[in-house]
Amino acid sequence: VKIDTEQDYAAAAGLVRKLRFMEKLAEEIDAAYDVIDM
């Protein structure tokens, strides 16, 4: 993995941003399902 071998912190930061976005999106989807289930 480039991040490990080359210590490419810019690439790591990009991955973290993507993961945070996906996590936030999943939370919003879960919240929407909770509203529907009520």
C-alpha atoms as a PDB file:
ATOM      1  CA  VAL A   1       0.000   0.000   0.000  1.00  0.00           C
ATOM      2  CA  LYS A   2       1.391   3.352  -1.043  1.00  0.00           C
ATOM      3  CA  ILE A   3       0.411   4.984   2.241  1.00  0.00           C
ATOM      4  CA  ASP A   4       2.453   2.460   4.239  1.00  0.00           C
ATOM      5  CA  THR A   5       5.476   2.114   1.987  1.00  0.00           C
ATOM      6  CA  GLU A   6       5.896   5.745   0.961  1.00  0.00           C
ATOM      7  CA  GLN A   7       4.220   7.403   3.960  1.00  0.00           C
ATOM      8  CA  ASP A   8       1.989   9.294   1.539  1.00  0.00           C
ATOM      9  CA  TYR A   9       0.019  11.336   4.051  1.00  0.00           C
ATOM     10  CA  ALA A  10      -1.810  13.309   1.375  1.00  0.00           C
ATOM     11  CA  ALA A  11      -3.235  10.061   0.014  1.00  0.00           C
ATOM     12  CA  ALA A  12      -4.119   8.992   3.546  1.00  0.00           C
ATOM     13  CA  ALA A  13      -5.927  12.276   4.166  1.00  0.00           C
ATOM     14  CA  GLY A  14      -7.929  11.772   0.986  1.00  0.00           C
ATOM     15  CA  LEU A  15      -8.970   8.307   2.114  1.00  0.00           C
ATOM     16  CA  VAL A  16      -9.965   9.619   5.531  1.00  0.00           C
ATOM     17  CA  ARG A  17     -12.142  12.297   3.889  1.00  0.00           C
ATOM     18  CA  LYS A  18     -13.844   9.639   1.758  1.00  0.00           C
ATOM     19  CA  LEU A  19     -14.431   7.390   4.758  1.00  0.00           C
ATOM     20  CA  ARG A  20     -15.863  10.266   6.804  1.00  0.00           C
ATOM     21  CA  PHE A  21     -18.172  11.186   3.931  1.00  0.00           C
ATOM     22  CA  MET A  22     -19.371   7.591   3.608  1.00  0.00           C
ATOM     23  CA  GLU A  23     -19.913   7.336   7.366  1.00  0.00           C
ATOM     24  CA  LYS A  24     -21.922  10.573   7.432  1.00  0.00           C
ATOM     25  CA  LEU A  25     -23.990   9.419   4.458  1.00  0.00           C
ATOM     26  CA  ALA A  26     -24.718   6.085   6.164  1.00  0.00           C
ATOM     27  CA  GLU A  27     -25.821   7.925   9.321  1.00  0.00           C
ATOM     28  CA  GLU A  28     -28.156  10.131   7.287  1.00  0.00           C
ATOM     29  CA  ILE A  29     -29.629   7.089   5.538  1.00  0.00           C
ATOM     30  CA  ASP A  30     -30.138   5.340   8.889  1.00  0.00           C
ATOM     31  CA  ALA A  31     -31.854   8.453  10.251  1.00  0.00           C
ATOM     32  CA  ALA A  32     -34.141   8.575   7.210  1.00  0.00           C
ATOM     33  CA  TYR A  33     -35.094   4.908   7.709  1.00  0.00           C
ATOM     34  CA  ASP A  34     -35.815   5.648  11.381  1.00  0.00           C
ATOM     35  CA  VAL A  35     -38.219   8.410  10.324  1.00  0.00           C
ATOM     36  CA  ILE A  36     -39.959   6.068   7.876  1.00  0.00           C
ATOM     37  CA  ASP A  37     -40.291   3.300  10.476  1.00  0.00           C
ATOM     38  CA  MET A  38     -42.066   5.546  12.989  1.00  0.00           C
END
